C-alpha atoms as a PDB file:
ATOM      1  CA  MET A   1      40.308 122.989 104.285  1.00  0.00           C
ATOM      2  CA  PHE A   2      42.430 125.250 102.067  1.00  0.00           C
ATOM      3  CA  ASP A   3      44.988 126.211 104.702  1.00  0.00           C
ATOM      4  CA  LYS A   4      47.307 127.498 101.948  1.00  0.00           C
ATOM      5  CA  ILE A   5      45.954 129.444  98.955  1.00  0.00           C
ATOM      6  CA  LEU A   6      48.164 130.375  96.022  1.00  0.00           C
ATOM      7  CA  VAL A   7      46.801 133.334  94.061  1.00  0.00           C
ATOM      8  CA  ALA A   8      48.442 133.901  90.687  1.00  0.00           C
ATOM      9  CA  ILE A   9      48.318 137.517  89.551  1.00  0.00           C
ATOM     10  CA  ASP A  10      49.218 139.709  86.613  1.00  0.00           C
ATOM     11  CA  ASP A  11      48.203 143.273  85.769  1.00  0.00           C
ATOM     12  CA  SER A  12      44.728 142.398  84.436  1.00  0.00           C
ATOM     13  CA  GLU A  13      41.264 143.166  85.817  1.00  0.00           C
ATOM     14  CA  PRO A  14      40.424 139.426  86.158  1.00  0.00           C
ATOM     15  CA  SER A  15      43.560 139.048  88.234  1.00  0.00           C
ATOM     16  CA  GLN A  16      42.391 141.799  90.575  1.00  0.00           C
ATOM     17  CA  ARG A  17      39.053 140.019  90.898  1.00  0.00           C
ATOM     18  CA  ALA A  18      40.875 136.775  91.711  1.00  0.00           C
ATOM     19  CA  LEU A  19      42.875 138.605  94.381  1.00  0.00           C
ATOM     20  CA  ALA A  20      39.628 139.862  95.934  1.00  0.00           C
ATOM     21  CA  VAL A  21      38.204 136.323  95.950  1.00  0.00           C
ATOM     22  CA  ALA A  22      41.379 134.964  97.573  1.00  0.00           C
ATOM     23  CA  GLN A  23      41.178 137.747 100.175  1.00  0.00           C
ATOM     24  CA  GLU A  24      37.557 136.864 100.967  1.00  0.00           C
ATOM     25  CA  MET A  25      38.314 133.138 101.203  1.00  0.00           C
ATOM     26  CA  ALA A  26      41.354 133.704 103.404  1.00  0.00           C
ATOM     27  CA  GLY A  27      39.285 135.864 105.732  1.00  0.00           C
ATOM     28  CA  ARG A  28      36.532 133.287 106.049  1.00  0.00           C
ATOM     29  CA  LEU A  29      38.755 130.223 106.257  1.00  0.00           C
ATOM     30  CA  GLY A  30      41.782 131.644 108.070  1.00  0.00           C
ATOM     31  CA  SER A  31      43.973 130.546 105.173  1.00  0.00           C
ATOM     32  CA  GLU A  32      47.524 131.621 104.528  1.00  0.00           C
ATOM     33  CA  VAL A  33      47.924 133.239 101.100  1.00  0.00           C
ATOM     34  CA  GLU A  34      50.872 133.211  98.729  1.00  0.00           C
ATOM     35  CA  VAL A  35      50.699 135.857  95.986  1.00  0.00           C
ATOM     36  CA  LEU A  36      52.579 134.746  92.873  1.00  0.00           C
ATOM     37  CA  HIS A  37      53.472 136.530  89.653  1.00  0.00           C
ATOM     38  CA  VAL A  38      55.185 134.668  86.812  1.00  0.00           C
ATOM     39  CA  GLU A  39      57.493 136.453  84.389  1.00  0.00           C
ATOM     40  CA  LEU A  40      57.930 134.429  81.216  1.00  0.00           C
ATOM     41  CA  LEU A  41      61.455 134.388  79.819  1.00  0.00           C
ATOM     42  CA  TYR A  42      61.954 133.860  76.123  1.00  0.00           C
ATOM     43  CA  LEU A  43      64.917 132.088  74.567  1.00  0.00           C
ATOM     44  CA  ALA A  44      66.680 133.929  71.781  1.00  0.00           C
ATOM     45  CA  PRO A  45      68.424 131.615  69.335  1.00  0.00           C
ATOM     46  CA  SER A  46      72.154 131.503  69.883  1.00  0.00           C
ATOM     47  CA  VAL A  47      74.712 132.024  67.185  1.00  0.00           C
ATOM     48  CA  GLY A  48      76.295 128.689  66.352  1.00  0.00           C
ATOM     49  CA  VAL A  49      75.887 125.690  68.624  1.00  0.00           C
ATOM     50  CA  GLY A  50      74.702 125.983  72.191  1.00  0.00           C
ATOM     51  CA  VAL A  51      71.862 127.234  74.307  1.00  0.00           C
ATOM     52  CA  GLY A  52      70.188 130.541  73.492  1.00  0.00           C
ATOM     53  CA  ALA A  53      70.257 133.497  75.824  1.00  0.00           C
ATOM     54  CA  ALA A  54      67.192 134.144  77.959  1.00  0.00           C
ATOM     55  CA  LEU A  55      65.415 137.357  77.004  1.00  0.00           C
ATOM     56  CA  GLY A  56      62.040 138.656  78.004  1.00  0.00           C
ATOM     57  CA  PRO A  57      59.958 140.695  80.379  1.00  0.00           C
ATOM     58  CA  ALA A  58      61.836 139.605  83.495  1.00  0.00           C
ATOM     59  CA  ASP A  59      64.993 141.149  82.059  1.00  0.00           C
ATOM     60  CA  VAL A  60      63.193 144.452  81.508  1.00  0.00           C
ATOM     61  CA  VAL A  61      60.602 144.935  84.265  1.00  0.00           C
ATOM     62  CA  PRO A  62      61.417 142.911  87.377  1.00  0.00           C
ATOM     63  CA  ALA A  63      60.903 146.010  89.539  1.00  0.00           C
ATOM     64  CA  GLU A  64      57.375 146.473  88.132  1.00  0.00           C
ATOM     65  CA  ALA A  65      56.563 142.819  88.767  1.00  0.00           C
ATOM     66  CA  GLN A  66      57.903 143.024  92.304  1.00  0.00           C
ATOM     67  CA  ALA A  67      55.938 146.220  92.928  1.00  0.00           C
ATOM     68  CA  MET A  68      52.748 144.509  91.698  1.00  0.00           C
ATOM     69  CA  VAL A  69      53.263 141.612  94.114  1.00  0.00           C
ATOM     70  CA  GLU A  70      54.144 143.933  96.995  1.00  0.00           C
ATOM     71  CA  ALA A  71      50.957 145.961  96.402  1.00  0.00           C
ATOM     72  CA  ALA A  72      48.861 142.775  96.421  1.00  0.00           C
ATOM     73  CA  VAL A  73      50.571 141.561  99.602  1.00  0.00           C
ATOM     74  CA  ALA A  74      49.965 144.926 101.286  1.00  0.00           C
ATOM     75  CA  ARG A  75      46.287 144.831 100.274  1.00  0.00           C
ATOM     76  CA  LEU A  76      45.787 141.364 101.758  1.00  0.00           C
ATOM     77  CA  ARG A  77      47.810 142.148 104.865  1.00  0.00           C
ATOM     78  CA  ALA A  78      45.718 145.288 105.467  1.00  0.00           C
ATOM     79  CA  ALA A  79      42.636 143.037 105.364  1.00  0.00           C
ATOM     80  CA  GLY A  80      44.166 140.855 108.081  1.00  0.00           C
ATOM     81  CA  ALA A  81      45.465 137.961 105.983  1.00  0.00           C
ATOM     82  CA  THR A  82      48.685 136.092 106.617  1.00  0.00           C
ATOM     83  CA  VAL A  83      50.359 136.578 103.263  1.00  0.00           C
ATOM     84  CA  THR A  84      53.657 136.260 101.421  1.00  0.00           C
ATOM     85  CA  GLY A  85      54.500 137.055  97.834  1.00  0.00           C
ATOM     86  CA  SER A  86      57.002 136.171  95.165  1.00  0.00           C
ATOM     87  CA  VAL A  87      57.924 136.662  91.537  1.00  0.00           C
ATOM     88  CA  VAL A  88      59.200 133.651  89.636  1.00  0.00           C
ATOM     89  CA  SER A  89      60.576 133.539  86.125  1.00  0.00           C
ATOM     90  CA  GLY A  90      61.459 130.853  83.657  1.00  0.00           C
ATOM     91  CA  THR A  91      61.047 129.602  80.126  1.00  0.00           C
ATOM     92  CA  ASP A  92      58.382 126.997  80.913  1.00  0.00           C
ATOM     93  CA  PRO A  93      54.808 128.008  80.041  1.00  0.00           C
ATOM     94  CA  VAL A  94      53.239 130.216  82.700  1.00  0.00           C
ATOM     95  CA  GLY A  95      50.654 127.546  83.533  1.00  0.00           C
ATOM     96  CA  GLN A  96      53.412 125.028  84.225  1.00  0.00           C
ATOM     97  CA  GLN A  97      55.250 127.512  86.433  1.00  0.00           C
ATOM     98  CA  VAL A  98      52.085 128.217  88.452  1.00  0.00           C
ATOM     99  CA  ALA A  99      51.461 124.481  88.912  1.00  0.00           C
ATOM    100  CA  ASP A 100      55.103 123.937  89.905  1.00  0.00           C
ATOM    101  CA  ALA A 101      54.872 126.779  92.430  1.00  0.00           C
ATOM    102  CA  ALA A 102      51.755 125.188  93.924  1.00  0.00           C
ATOM    103  CA  VAL A 103      53.688 121.963  94.454  1.00  0.00           C
ATOM    104  CA  ALA A 104      56.719 123.742  95.924  1.00  0.00           C
ATOM    105  CA  ARG A 105      54.581 125.825  98.289  1.00  0.00           C
ATOM    106  CA  HIS A 106      52.220 122.989  99.271  1.00  0.00           C
ATOM    107  CA  ALA A 107      49.192 124.976  98.085  1.00  0.00           C
ATOM    108  CA  GLU A 108      45.804 123.390  98.677  1.00  0.00           C
ATOM    109  CA  LEU A 109      43.992 125.775  96.284  1.00  0.00           C
ATOM    110  CA  ILE A 110      45.033 127.960  93.355  1.00  0.00           C
ATOM    111  CA  VAL A 111      42.984 131.089  92.638  1.00  0.00           C
ATOM    112  CA  MET A 112      43.522 132.908  89.362  1.00  0.00           C
ATOM    113  CA  GLY A 113      41.737 135.134  86.901  1.00  0.00           C
ATOM    114  CA  SER A 114      40.769 134.411  83.336  1.00  0.00           C
ATOM    115  CA  ARG A 115      40.121 136.937  80.619  1.00  0.00           C
ATOM    116  CA  GLY A 116      37.277 134.778  79.331  1.00  0.00           C
ATOM    117  CA  ARG A 117      38.333 134.624  75.703  1.00  0.00           C
ATOM    118  CA  SER A 118      36.084 132.756  73.340  1.00  0.00           C
ATOM    119  CA  GLN A 119      36.711 129.040  72.990  1.00  0.00           C
ATOM    120  CA  LEU A 120      38.324 129.614  69.591  1.00  0.00           C
ATOM    121  CA  ALA A 121      40.626 132.359  70.861  1.00  0.00           C
ATOM    122  CA  GLY A 122      41.546 130.225  73.858  1.00  0.00           C
ATOM    123  CA  LEU A 123      42.307 127.303  71.579  1.00  0.00           C
ATOM    124  CA  VAL A 124      44.428 129.364  69.193  1.00  0.00           C
ATOM    125  CA  LEU A 125      46.162 131.565  71.761  1.00  0.00           C
ATOM    126  CA  GLY A 126      46.284 129.054  74.566  1.00  0.00           C
ATOM    127  CA  SER A 127      44.899 129.600  78.025  1.00  0.00           C
ATOM    128  CA  THR A 128      47.013 129.827  81.134  1.00  0.00           C
ATOM    129  CA  ALA A 129      43.984 128.932  83.255  1.00  0.00           C
ATOM    130  CA  TYR A 130      43.375 125.846  81.099  1.00  0.00           C
ATOM    131  CA  GLN A 131      47.010 124.783  81.548  1.00  0.00           C
ATOM    132  CA  VAL A 132      46.860 125.270  85.308  1.00  0.00           C
ATOM    133  CA  ILE A 133      43.590 123.336  85.626  1.00  0.00           C
ATOM    134  CA  HIS A 134      45.179 120.353  83.902  1.00  0.00           C
ATOM    135  CA  LEU A 135      48.582 120.525  85.599  1.00  0.00           C
ATOM    136  CA  ALA A 136      47.753 121.607  89.141  1.00  0.00           C
ATOM    137  CA  PRO A 137      48.187 119.252  92.098  1.00  0.00           C
ATOM    138  CA  CYS A 138      45.157 120.813  93.813  1.00  0.00           C
ATOM    139  CA  PRO A 139      41.784 122.420  93.025  1.00  0.00           C
ATOM    140  CA  VAL A 140      41.822 125.564  90.887  1.00  0.00           C
ATOM    141  CA  LEU A 141      39.306 128.376  91.263  1.00  0.00           C
ATOM    142  CA  VAL A 142      39.129 130.427  88.061  1.00  0.00           C
ATOM    143  CA  VAL A 143      37.599 133.888  88.387  1.00  0.00           C
ATOM    144  CA  ARG A 144      36.232 134.924  84.993  1.00  0.00           C
ATOM    145  CA  ASN A 145      35.844 138.401  83.652  1.00  0.00           C
ATOM    146  CA  LEU A 146      32.223 137.957  82.690  1.00  0.00           C
ATOM    147  CA  PRO A 147      30.205 140.822  81.242  1.00  0.00           C
ATOM    148  CA  VAL A 148      27.650 142.209  83.673  1.00  0.00           C
END
């Protein structure tokens, strides 16, 4: 059960909590872990006819994203987990990219954090966790940033 866990991370506190949960589960279940960070690319409108140029965080901070993934991989590896990591980028919504990565990597569980916005804020701003829950090919464990 859950031989392959995909943990989606960013630089948030809920993401760090999700990483800790994935570490604990991997230790108990002997699961392999894939750490994933998604960099969203934005399309700038082109001048005239044609496809716009991709602009966005991945063009500016790929080294920071890679360093974040490498730190997470090192943390899990130090705890004894079998772990790999990757940074993906694209113009699809982040939730779609996480779900697509789960398919490509044959993940049996996705673990991710959620900032726990109010229902209204989540509705207006959108929720990556909500997208993943509805698009994922496997169960999704959402680790919320609940007040203590």
